[in-house]
Amino acid sequence: MSQQYQYAVILQPDPEEGGYSVSVPALPGCHTQGDTLEEAIANAREAIQCYIEGLLADGEPIPEEIAHPQAIVISVPVPTAAA
C-alpha cells in the first residue's frame, strides 16, 4: 500500500486567457494549468506525482505539508479622494 500525501494547490483564474494556472507552494517549481477547474485539479495531481517520482529517483526526501495554507477574501474600504 502506498503512502498518501496532501498538498495545498493554488488555483489562479486567468481572466484574459481563460482557464487556471496552478502552483503547489510546498513543492517549489511544481506548476501546471488547465482550461477548466476539473482539468486544472487533475493536472495538479499528475504534476505532484511526477514531482515526487523525480524526488524519489534522485534519492531526495518527499516534503510533507503539515499545516496547509489558507486563503480567504476580505473587503477593504478605500477612502475617496478629497475634492
C-alpha atoms as a PDB file:
ATOM      1  CA  MET A   1       0.000   0.000   0.000  1.00  0.00           C
ATOM      2  CA  SER A   2       1.362   3.420  -0.895  1.00  0.00           C
ATOM      3  CA  GLN A   3       1.573   6.347   1.498  1.00  0.00           C
ATOM      4  CA  GLN A   4      -0.751   9.299   0.909  1.00  0.00           C
ATOM      5  CA  TYR A   5       0.439  12.897   0.997  1.00  0.00           C
ATOM      6  CA  GLN A   6      -1.741  16.004   0.965  1.00  0.00           C
ATOM      7  CA  TYR A   7      -0.704  19.302  -0.580  1.00  0.00           C
ATOM      8  CA  ALA A   8      -2.466  22.623  -0.917  1.00  0.00           C
ATOM      9  CA  VAL A   9      -2.719  23.823  -4.501  1.00  0.00           C
ATOM     10  CA  ILE A  10      -3.300  27.412  -5.557  1.00  0.00           C
ATOM     11  CA  LEU A  11      -5.735  27.726  -8.466  1.00  0.00           C
ATOM     12  CA  GLN A  12      -5.426  31.149 -10.061  1.00  0.00           C
ATOM     13  CA  PRO A  13      -8.096  32.018 -12.660  1.00  0.00           C
ATOM     14  CA  ASP A  14      -6.782  33.687 -15.809  1.00  0.00           C
ATOM     15  CA  PRO A  15      -9.431  36.217 -16.873  1.00  0.00           C
ATOM     16  CA  GLU A  16      -7.624  37.104 -20.110  1.00  0.00           C
ATOM     17  CA  GLU A  17      -6.729  33.636 -21.432  1.00  0.00           C
ATOM     18  CA  GLY A  18      -9.344  31.618 -19.552  1.00  0.00           C
ATOM     19  CA  GLY A  19      -8.623  28.537 -17.505  1.00  0.00           C
ATOM     20  CA  TYR A  20      -6.481  28.290 -14.399  1.00  0.00           C
ATOM     21  CA  SER A  21      -2.811  28.299 -13.527  1.00  0.00           C
ATOM     22  CA  VAL A  22      -1.860  26.046 -10.632  1.00  0.00           C
ATOM     23  CA  SER A  23       1.029  26.109  -8.185  1.00  0.00           C
ATOM     24  CA  VAL A  24       1.944  23.886  -5.247  1.00  0.00           C
ATOM     25  CA  PRO A  25       3.622  26.052  -2.583  1.00  0.00           C
ATOM     26  CA  ALA A  26       5.155  23.093  -0.708  1.00  0.00           C
ATOM     27  CA  LEU A  27       6.831  21.827  -3.903  1.00  0.00           C
ATOM     28  CA  PRO A  28       8.934  24.659  -5.388  1.00  0.00           C
ATOM     29  CA  GLY A  29       8.696  24.760  -9.171  1.00  0.00           C
ATOM     30  CA  CYS A  30       5.648  22.476  -9.311  1.00  0.00           C
ATOM     31  CA  HIS A  31       3.260  24.300 -11.642  1.00  0.00           C
ATOM     32  CA  THR A  32       0.628  23.340 -14.189  1.00  0.00           C
ATOM     33  CA  GLN A  33      -2.560  24.687 -15.745  1.00  0.00           C
ATOM     34  CA  GLY A  34      -5.940  23.622 -17.064  1.00  0.00           C
ATOM     35  CA  ASP A  35      -8.714  25.001 -19.238  1.00  0.00           C
ATOM     36  CA  THR A  36     -11.348  24.087 -16.634  1.00  0.00           C
ATOM     37  CA  LEU A  37     -11.283  23.764 -12.864  1.00  0.00           C
ATOM     38  CA  GLU A  38     -11.586  19.979 -13.155  1.00  0.00           C
ATOM     39  CA  GLU A  39      -8.743  19.775 -15.680  1.00  0.00           C
ATOM     40  CA  ALA A  40      -6.539  22.041 -13.539  1.00  0.00           C
ATOM     41  CA  ILE A  41      -7.085  19.814 -10.483  1.00  0.00           C
ATOM     42  CA  ALA A  42      -6.394  16.621 -12.475  1.00  0.00           C
ATOM     43  CA  ASN A  43      -3.240  18.194 -13.924  1.00  0.00           C
ATOM     44  CA  ALA A  44      -2.172  19.257 -10.425  1.00  0.00           C
ATOM     45  CA  ARG A  45      -2.417  15.654  -9.209  1.00  0.00           C
ATOM     46  CA  GLU A  46      -0.327  14.483 -12.154  1.00  0.00           C
ATOM     47  CA  ALA A  47       2.252  17.257 -11.666  1.00  0.00           C
ATOM     48  CA  ILE A  48       2.598  16.402  -7.957  1.00  0.00           C
ATOM     49  CA  GLN A  49       3.020  12.696  -8.746  1.00  0.00           C
ATOM     50  CA  CYS A  50       5.715  13.466 -11.339  1.00  0.00           C
ATOM     51  CA  TYR A  51       7.468  15.824  -8.935  1.00  0.00           C
ATOM     52  CA  ILE A  52       7.515  13.178  -6.194  1.00  0.00           C
ATOM     53  CA  GLU A  53       8.694  10.481  -8.611  1.00  0.00           C
ATOM     54  CA  GLY A  54      11.590  12.781  -9.548  1.00  0.00           C
ATOM     55  CA  LEU A  55      12.489  13.267  -5.891  1.00  0.00           C
ATOM     56  CA  LEU A  56      12.428   9.518  -5.275  1.00  0.00           C
ATOM     57  CA  ALA A  57      14.576   8.846  -8.357  1.00  0.00           C
ATOM     58  CA  ASP A  58      17.126  11.361  -7.057  1.00  0.00           C
ATOM     59  CA  GLY A  59      17.061   9.891  -3.536  1.00  0.00           C
ATOM     60  CA  GLU A  60      15.585  13.099  -2.121  1.00  0.00           C
ATOM     61  CA  PRO A  61      13.045  13.208   0.736  1.00  0.00           C
ATOM     62  CA  ILE A  62       9.390  13.894  -0.032  1.00  0.00           C
ATOM     63  CA  PRO A  63       8.266  17.166   1.578  1.00  0.00           C
ATOM     64  CA  GLU A  64       5.323  16.858   3.932  1.00  0.00           C
ATOM     65  CA  GLU A  65       2.916  19.738   4.289  1.00  0.00           C
ATOM     66  CA  ILE A  66       1.887  19.658   7.932  1.00  0.00           C
ATOM     67  CA  ALA A  67      -0.137  22.893   8.044  1.00  0.00           C
ATOM     68  CA  HIS A  68      -1.959  23.789   4.857  1.00  0.00           C
ATOM     69  CA  PRO A  69      -2.046  27.434   3.782  1.00  0.00           C
ATOM     70  CA  GLN A  70      -5.450  29.061   3.813  1.00  0.00           C
ATOM     71  CA  ALA A  71      -6.779  31.749   1.516  1.00  0.00           C
ATOM     72  CA  ILE A  72      -9.719  33.993   2.241  1.00  0.00           C
ATOM     73  CA  VAL A  73     -11.175  37.019   0.506  1.00  0.00           C
ATOM     74  CA  ILE A  74     -11.502  40.177   2.578  1.00  0.00           C
ATOM     75  CA  SER A  75     -13.042  43.552   1.782  1.00  0.00           C
ATOM     76  CA  VAL A  76     -11.028  46.672   2.485  1.00  0.00           C
ATOM     77  CA  PRO A  77     -12.593  50.134   2.363  1.00  0.00           C
ATOM     78  CA  VAL A  78     -10.642  52.633   0.292  1.00  0.00           C
ATOM     79  CA  PRO A  79     -11.121  56.300   1.139  1.00  0.00           C
ATOM     80  CA  THR A  80     -12.265  58.523  -1.687  1.00  0.00           C
ATOM     81  CA  ALA A  81     -10.039  61.361  -2.788  1.00  0.00           C
ATOM     82  CA  ALA A  82     -10.876  64.748  -1.296  1.00  0.00           C
ATOM     83  CA  ALA A  83     -12.435  67.144  -3.769  1.00  0.00           C
END
